[in-house]
Protein backbone atom coordinates (compact mmCIF):
# COMPACT_ATOMS: atom_id res chain seq x y z
CA MET A 1 -0.01 0.10 -0.05
CA SER A 2 1.20 3.35 -0.99
CA PHE A 3 0.04 7.07 -0.25
CA ARG A 4 -0.54 7.11 -3.95
CA ASP A 5 -3.37 4.44 -3.45
CA ASN A 6 -5.20 7.16 -1.49
CA ILE A 7 -5.04 10.05 -4.30
CA ARG A 8 -8.20 10.60 -6.15
CA GLN A 9 -7.46 10.04 -9.88
CA VAL A 10 -9.84 11.97 -12.25
CA VAL A 11 -9.74 12.81 -15.92
CA PRO A 12 -9.99 16.70 -15.83
CA TYR A 13 -11.96 18.96 -17.95
CA VAL A 14 -9.77 20.48 -20.61
CA PRO A 15 -10.23 24.24 -21.14
CA GLY A 16 -9.79 26.13 -24.47
CA GLU A 17 -6.51 27.16 -25.43
CA GLN A 18 -5.60 30.61 -24.20
CA PRO A 19 -2.76 32.03 -26.66
CA LYS A 20 -0.23 34.29 -25.43
CA GLN A 21 0.12 36.13 -28.61
CA ALA A 22 -1.48 39.33 -29.08
CA ASP A 23 -2.04 39.27 -33.02
CA VAL A 24 -4.44 36.24 -32.97
CA ILE A 25 -8.16 36.14 -33.63
CA LYS A 26 -9.55 34.12 -30.75
CA LEU A 27 -12.81 32.24 -31.32
CA ASN A 28 -12.30 29.18 -29.22
CA THR A 29 -13.58 30.01 -25.73
CA ASN A 30 -17.13 31.78 -26.53
CA GLU A 31 -15.73 35.06 -24.92
CA ASN A 32 -17.60 38.18 -25.56
CA PRO A 33 -15.60 40.34 -28.28
CA TYR A 34 -16.88 43.49 -26.76
CA PRO A 35 -15.79 45.06 -23.46
CA PRO A 36 -18.23 44.98 -20.45
CA SER A 37 -20.39 48.06 -19.57
CA PRO A 38 -18.54 51.31 -19.21
CA LYS A 39 -20.24 51.28 -15.88
CA VAL A 40 -17.80 48.42 -15.02
CA GLY A 41 -14.81 50.74 -15.25
CA GLU A 42 -16.41 53.42 -13.25
CA ALA A 43 -16.89 50.94 -10.45
CA LEU A 44 -13.23 49.81 -10.61
CA ARG A 45 -12.01 53.36 -10.41
CA ALA A 46 -14.18 54.07 -7.24
CA LEU A 47 -12.65 51.06 -5.42
CA ASP A 48 -10.51 51.94 -2.33
CA PRO A 49 -7.47 49.78 -2.28
CA ALA A 50 -7.37 50.14 1.46
CA ASP A 51 -10.57 48.16 1.56
CA PHE A 52 -8.94 45.13 0.15
CA ARG A 53 -7.55 44.29 3.59
CA LYS A 54 -10.93 43.28 4.60
CA TYR A 55 -12.86 40.19 3.77
CA PRO A 56 -15.72 40.77 1.12
CA ASP A 57 -19.26 40.41 2.09
CA PRO A 58 -19.85 36.59 2.35
CA ALA A 59 -23.65 36.74 1.47
CA ALA A 60 -22.74 39.13 -1.57
CA GLY A 61 -25.62 41.09 -0.54
CA GLY A 62 -25.26 44.01 -3.00
CA LEU A 63 -24.90 41.80 -6.08
CA VAL A 64 -27.44 39.45 -5.01
CA HIS A 65 -29.80 42.20 -4.45
CA ALA A 66 -29.06 43.72 -8.08
CA ILE A 67 -29.54 40.37 -9.71
CA ALA A 68 -32.79 39.78 -7.86
CA GLU A 69 -33.99 43.24 -8.82
CA ARG A 70 -33.16 42.60 -12.59
CA TYR A 71 -34.99 39.35 -12.75
CA GLY A 72 -37.97 40.20 -10.57
CA LEU A 73 -36.92 37.76 -7.75
CA ARG A 74 -36.80 37.99 -3.97
CA ASP A 75 -33.04 38.16 -2.72
CA SER A 76 -33.55 34.67 -1.03
CA GLU A 77 -34.04 33.18 -4.41
CA VAL A 78 -30.57 33.86 -5.95
CA PHE A 79 -27.19 32.45 -5.09
CA VAL A 80 -23.83 33.70 -6.54
CA GLY A 81 -20.50 31.94 -7.08
CA VAL A 82 -17.28 32.37 -8.71
CA GLY A 83 -18.39 31.87 -12.18
CA SER A 84 -21.23 29.51 -13.38
CA ASP A 85 -18.66 26.62 -13.04
CA ASP A 86 -18.35 27.28 -9.26
CA VAL A 87 -22.23 27.42 -9.07
CA LEU A 88 -22.67 24.26 -11.00
CA ALA A 89 -20.22 22.25 -9.08
CA MET A 90 -21.89 23.42 -5.89
CA CYS A 91 -25.11 22.27 -7.29
CA PHE A 92 -23.64 18.75 -8.00
CA GLN A 93 -22.59 18.58 -4.42
CA THR A 94 -25.91 19.90 -2.96
CA PHE A 95 -28.45 18.34 -5.01
CA PHE A 96 -27.12 15.07 -6.63
CA CYS A 97 -26.86 12.79 -3.54
CA SER A 98 -28.87 9.88 -4.80
CA GLU A 99 -27.80 6.43 -5.75
CA LYS A 100 -29.57 6.70 -8.80
CA PRO A 101 -27.70 8.15 -11.97
CA VAL A 102 -27.93 11.84 -12.94
CA LEU A 103 -29.11 12.38 -16.35
CA PHE A 104 -27.34 14.78 -18.89
CA PRO A 105 -26.96 14.72 -22.68
CA ASP A 106 -23.92 12.73 -24.18
CA ILE A 107 -22.74 15.59 -26.27
CA THR A 108 -22.80 18.78 -23.93
CA TYR A 109 -20.77 20.63 -21.55
CA SER A 110 -17.96 18.38 -20.86
CA PHE A 111 -17.57 19.42 -17.25
CA TYR A 112 -20.43 17.50 -16.47
CA ASP A 113 -19.12 14.05 -16.30
CA VAL A 114 -15.81 15.46 -14.65
CA TRP A 115 -17.85 16.80 -11.51
CA ALA A 116 -19.79 13.37 -11.47
CA ASP A 117 -16.58 11.49 -11.28
CA LEU A 118 -14.94 13.87 -8.84
CA PHE A 119 -17.81 13.73 -6.47
CA ARG A 120 -18.54 10.03 -6.98
CA ILE A 121 -22.04 10.67 -8.42
CA PRO A 122 -23.53 8.24 -10.71
CA TYR A 123 -24.49 9.36 -14.00
CA GLU A 124 -26.05 8.27 -17.57
CA ARG A 125 -25.17 10.04 -20.64
CA ILE A 126 -28.48 10.42 -22.61
CA PRO A 127 -27.92 10.31 -26.63
CA LEU A 128 -29.13 13.43 -28.71
CA ASP A 129 -31.21 12.72 -31.52
CA GLY A 130 -29.77 12.82 -35.16
CA SER A 131 -30.26 16.66 -35.28
CA PHE A 132 -28.39 17.26 -32.07
CA ARG A 133 -31.45 17.85 -30.27
CA ILE A 134 -32.16 16.93 -26.53
CA VAL A 135 -35.35 14.50 -26.53
CA PRO A 136 -37.32 15.54 -23.47
CA GLU A 137 -38.99 12.19 -23.37
CA ASP A 138 -35.64 10.50 -23.03
CA TYR A 139 -35.44 12.04 -19.33
CA GLU A 140 -38.63 10.45 -18.31
CA LYS A 141 -36.91 7.60 -16.40
CA PRO A 142 -35.77 7.00 -12.90
CA ASN A 143 -32.81 9.25 -12.05
CA GLY A 144 -31.00 10.98 -9.06
CA GLY A 145 -31.16 14.57 -10.90
CA VAL A 146 -31.15 16.19 -14.36
CA ILE A 147 -28.94 18.83 -15.83
CA PHE A 148 -28.59 20.08 -19.46
CA PRO A 149 -27.64 23.36 -21.22
CA ASN A 150 -30.15 25.32 -22.81
CA PRO A 151 -29.05 26.36 -25.53
CA ASN A 152 -26.92 23.07 -25.57
CA ALA A 153 -23.07 23.35 -25.75
CA PRO A 154 -21.32 22.83 -28.01
CA THR A 155 -24.02 22.43 -30.44
CA GLY A 156 -26.02 25.76 -29.77
CA VAL A 157 -29.28 23.98 -30.31
CA LEU A 158 -32.02 25.35 -28.24
CA LEU A 159 -35.08 23.73 -26.52
CA SER A 160 -38.39 25.74 -26.46
CA LEU A 161 -39.85 26.64 -22.88
CA GLU A 162 -42.54 24.02 -23.44
CA GLU A 163 -39.70 21.35 -23.95
CA VAL A 164 -37.75 22.44 -20.90
CA GLU A 165 -40.90 22.39 -18.85
CA ARG A 166 -41.80 18.96 -19.86
CA ILE A 167 -38.52 17.72 -18.46
CA VAL A 168 -38.99 19.53 -15.15
CA ALA A 169 -42.55 18.32 -14.79
CA SER A 170 -41.73 14.92 -15.36
CA ASN A 171 -39.09 14.84 -12.53
CA PRO A 172 -41.04 16.07 -9.55
CA ASP A 173 -38.81 13.94 -7.28
CA SER A 174 -35.40 15.35 -8.82
CA VAL A 175 -33.76 18.62 -8.93
CA VAL A 176 -33.58 19.84 -12.58
CA ILE A 177 -30.71 22.31 -13.41
CA VAL A 178 -31.07 24.25 -16.53
CA ASP A 179 -27.66 25.72 -17.44
CA GLU A 180 -28.29 28.93 -19.30
CA ALA A 181 -24.87 30.27 -19.81
CA TYR A 182 -26.11 31.24 -23.57
CA ILE A 183 -29.68 31.97 -23.22
CA ASP A 184 -29.35 35.73 -23.49
CA PHE A 185 -28.65 35.14 -27.41
CA GLY A 186 -31.78 33.95 -28.51
CA GLY A 187 -33.55 31.75 -26.04
CA GLU A 188 -36.40 32.11 -23.59
CA SER A 189 -35.20 31.54 -20.15
CA ALA A 190 -36.87 28.86 -17.83
CA LEU A 191 -36.81 31.19 -14.90
CA PRO A 192 -40.65 31.94 -14.82
CA LEU A 193 -40.87 28.13 -14.33
CA ILE A 194 -39.56 28.15 -10.62
CA ARG A 195 -42.65 29.60 -9.35
CA ARG A 196 -44.41 26.56 -10.62
CA TYR A 197 -41.70 24.09 -9.88
CA GLN A 198 -39.82 23.69 -6.70
CA ASN A 199 -37.45 21.54 -7.96
CA LEU A 200 -35.99 23.67 -10.75
CA VAL A 201 -32.68 25.45 -10.59
CA VAL A 202 -31.68 28.01 -13.22
CA VAL A 203 -28.12 28.95 -13.75
CA GLN A 204 -26.57 31.89 -15.66
CA THR A 205 -23.14 33.73 -15.95
CA PHE A 206 -21.59 37.21 -16.44
CA SER A 207 -18.85 35.52 -18.66
CA LYS A 208 -20.82 35.41 -22.10
CA SER A 209 -23.35 38.19 -22.48
CA ARG A 210 -22.07 40.58 -19.92
CA SER A 211 -18.50 40.38 -21.24
CA MET A 212 -17.00 39.59 -18.03
CA ALA A 213 -15.34 36.10 -18.15
CA GLY A 214 -12.22 37.49 -16.54
CA VAL A 215 -14.06 38.29 -13.46
CA ARG A 216 -15.73 35.03 -12.71
CA ILE A 217 -19.26 35.53 -11.66
CA GLY A 218 -22.23 33.11 -11.94
CA PHE A 219 -25.69 32.84 -10.21
CA ALA A 220 -28.31 30.27 -9.67
CA MET A 221 -32.06 31.13 -9.34
CA ALA A 222 -34.52 28.84 -7.58
CA ASP A 223 -37.02 28.35 -4.87
CA GLU A 224 -35.69 29.61 -1.49
CA GLU A 225 -35.31 26.05 -0.15
CA LEU A 226 -33.05 25.18 -2.73
CA ILE A 227 -30.99 28.36 -2.37
CA ARG A 228 -30.67 27.76 1.29
CA ALA A 229 -29.40 24.46 0.70
CA LEU A 230 -26.73 25.74 -1.74
CA GLU A 231 -25.72 28.36 0.94
CA ASN A 232 -25.23 25.94 3.43
CA VAL A 233 -22.96 23.82 1.35
CA LYS A 234 -20.87 26.91 0.28
CA TYR A 235 -20.56 28.06 4.01
CA SER A 236 -19.24 24.57 4.97
CA PHE A 237 -16.10 25.16 3.33
CA ASN A 238 -15.75 28.77 1.97
CA SER A 239 -17.58 31.66 3.30
CA TYR A 240 -15.66 34.37 1.20
CA THR A 241 -15.92 33.33 -2.49
CA ILE A 242 -16.55 36.64 -4.29
CA SER A 243 -13.76 39.17 -4.09
CA ARG A 244 -14.60 43.01 -3.45
CA PRO A 245 -13.72 44.01 -6.92
CA ALA A 246 -16.02 41.16 -8.52
CA LEU A 247 -18.86 42.24 -6.22
CA ALA A 248 -18.45 46.15 -7.36
CA VAL A 249 -18.11 45.37 -11.00
CA GLY A 250 -21.07 42.66 -11.00
CA THR A 251 -23.53 45.02 -9.44
CA ALA A 252 -22.32 47.77 -11.79
CA SER A 253 -23.00 45.64 -14.84
CA ILE A 254 -26.26 44.06 -14.15
CA LYS A 255 -27.62 47.59 -13.81
CA ASP A 256 -26.70 48.60 -17.17
CA GLU A 257 -29.52 47.18 -18.99
CA ALA A 258 -29.19 49.06 -22.36
CA TYR A 259 -25.48 48.13 -22.79
CA PHE A 260 -26.18 44.58 -22.48
CA ARG A 261 -29.11 44.42 -24.60
CA ASP A 262 -27.27 46.20 -27.24
CA CYS A 263 -24.20 44.00 -26.99
CA CYS A 264 -26.23 40.87 -27.33
CA ARG A 265 -28.05 42.42 -30.43
CA ARG A 266 -24.70 42.87 -32.19
CA ILE A 267 -23.59 39.52 -31.55
CA CYS A 268 -26.61 37.88 -32.70
CA ALA A 269 -26.56 39.97 -35.99
CA THR A 270 -23.07 39.10 -36.69
CA ARG A 271 -23.94 35.43 -35.91
CA ASP A 272 -26.80 35.35 -38.34
CA GLU A 273 -24.74 36.96 -41.06
CA THR A 274 -21.78 34.69 -40.60
CA ALA A 275 -23.97 31.89 -40.92
CA ARG A 276 -25.56 32.81 -43.92
CA ALA A 277 -22.18 33.33 -45.54
CA MET A 278 -21.02 30.01 -44.38
CA ARG A 279 -23.90 28.38 -45.72
CA ALA A 280 -23.52 29.66 -49.12
CA MET A 281 -19.93 28.51 -48.86
CA GLY A 282 -21.23 24.92 -48.50
CA PHE A 283 -20.90 24.45 -44.73
CA SER A 284 -23.48 22.64 -42.88
CA MET A 285 -24.43 23.79 -39.19
CA THR A 286 -27.14 23.57 -36.47
CA ASP A 287 -29.49 26.71 -35.92
CA SER A 288 -27.45 28.19 -33.14
CA ALA A 289 -29.22 30.32 -30.33
CA SER A 290 -25.97 30.99 -28.73
CA ASN A 291 -22.87 33.11 -29.28
CA PHE A 292 -21.09 30.57 -31.50
CA LEU A 293 -21.72 28.51 -34.47
CA PHE A 294 -21.32 24.54 -34.61
CA VAL A 295 -20.08 24.01 -38.19
CA SER A 296 -18.83 21.25 -40.54
CA TYR A 297 -18.20 20.90 -44.18
CA PRO A 298 -18.95 17.69 -46.12
CA GLY A 299 -16.02 15.38 -46.87
CA ILE A 300 -13.54 17.42 -44.83
CA PRO A 301 -12.37 16.45 -41.50
CA GLY A 302 -12.71 19.00 -38.78
CA GLY A 303 -9.28 18.37 -37.56
CA ASP A 304 -7.83 19.68 -40.87
CA LEU A 305 -9.96 22.86 -40.78
CA PHE A 306 -8.96 23.19 -37.30
CA ALA A 307 -5.15 22.89 -38.07
CA TYR A 308 -5.49 25.14 -41.18
CA LEU A 309 -7.18 27.99 -39.10
CA ARG A 310 -4.64 27.78 -36.37
CA SER A 311 -1.81 28.12 -38.92
CA LYS A 312 -3.71 31.44 -40.00
CA ARG A 313 -3.71 32.33 -36.42
CA ILE A 314 -7.48 31.99 -35.99
CA TYR A 315 -8.17 29.77 -32.94
CA VAL A 316 -11.40 27.85 -32.90
CA ARG A 317 -12.49 24.87 -30.94
CA TRP A 318 -12.29 21.11 -31.99
CA TRP A 319 -12.81 17.85 -30.32
CA ASP A 320 -11.50 14.56 -31.40
CA LYS A 321 -14.52 12.88 -30.19
CA PRO A 322 -17.04 10.30 -31.92
CA VAL A 323 -19.97 12.01 -33.68
CA ILE A 324 -18.59 15.55 -33.38
CA ARG A 325 -14.97 15.30 -34.67
CA ASP A 326 -15.91 16.69 -37.85
CA TYR A 327 -17.59 19.71 -36.46
CA LEU A 328 -15.68 23.14 -35.37
CA ARG A 329 -17.08 25.15 -32.67
CA ILE A 330 -16.68 29.09 -33.72
CA THR A 331 -17.25 31.79 -31.38
CA VAL A 332 -18.79 34.98 -32.85
CA GLY A 333 -16.28 37.66 -32.94
CA THR A 334 -16.61 41.26 -34.21
CA ASP A 335 -17.79 41.75 -37.73
CA ASP A 336 -14.01 42.27 -38.76
CA GLU A 337 -13.02 39.12 -37.00
CA MET A 338 -15.66 37.06 -38.95
CA LYS A 339 -14.69 38.58 -42.27
CA THR A 340 -11.22 37.42 -41.66
CA LEU A 341 -12.52 33.96 -40.74
CA LEU A 342 -14.52 33.71 -43.85
CA ALA A 343 -11.71 34.78 -46.07
CA ALA A 344 -9.66 32.10 -44.72
CA LEU A 345 -12.22 29.42 -45.11
CA GLY A 346 -12.66 30.24 -48.60
CA GLU A 347 -8.87 30.22 -49.43
CA TYR A 348 -8.88 26.85 -47.75
CA LEU A 349 -11.83 25.53 -49.79
CA LYS A 350 -10.36 26.85 -53.05
CA ASN A 351 -6.93 25.26 -52.51
CA ARG A 352 -8.59 22.23 -52.06
CA GLY A 353 -10.73 22.35 -54.89
CA ALA A 354 -14.07 22.41 -52.97
CA VAL A 355 -15.27 25.64 -54.60
């Protein structure tokens, strides 16, 4: 027996590459191409560095209240964490404690099975259909919980609110978590359903639509009983999770509704225009309701396209996995960045004789 026998072994999540060069087009981690609200800068400048000697508010009261006010909730229905990954990991530990398997899609955010393995939670991957859609009736089976993104990632495919409600309603004895990291780019949030279903948790993030991936703020919205359970788990191992600067800039950001809406509108317009151009070039893709496109080109391996774009200093995301290895996930950048991407793809197809 060795001490190594007592070390937990897990296969970790692999994040998107963060290139160090400045002269690249970075379309691989679904970051927002635009800066956050100008009010974020104002909040930073107003901070007193002398206050950093003190712990932040463990309840994140100001930020929680601002989020609750924005979404028409009570403060007791909101929980915040260090990015939605922190919130979701907390949800796994809090709500998925059954001996029955947790259900989530087989093609989805690849942190789900990592957390399940880490926390020793049984799970079952539920296949998507041939159009990369989640099939609600496939989740009508005994389980210890359900989690899925809407829109899904990396496919970008959206479930209607009626389809989401079917999954929630058919699992009254399990907590259902809807991961809405991309909901602001064209979907209808499941948030109104928390008034009817006490087993529903809706998780969102500041990283995508609010341009604050570098700050790390995520939040959950649910019935007060579920929020208290999350808080109890949080306070069991780390009371001070959100830093003072993050609390200040997060509160400022959530209050700038006009900037938020305009930024989402710009990204959606660029997404739709890029999708039209890529389809005209012969690419196939899902109907994305997110800030990325999930694309393939008939007869061309996804790995080849990925390598070519990288040689042009254009970074996109590719997974060498069954079913999706011929697909690329391409974050929506600025109009100029997407024009550069389209030009590079056109050059590649021409050189291959595909056009």
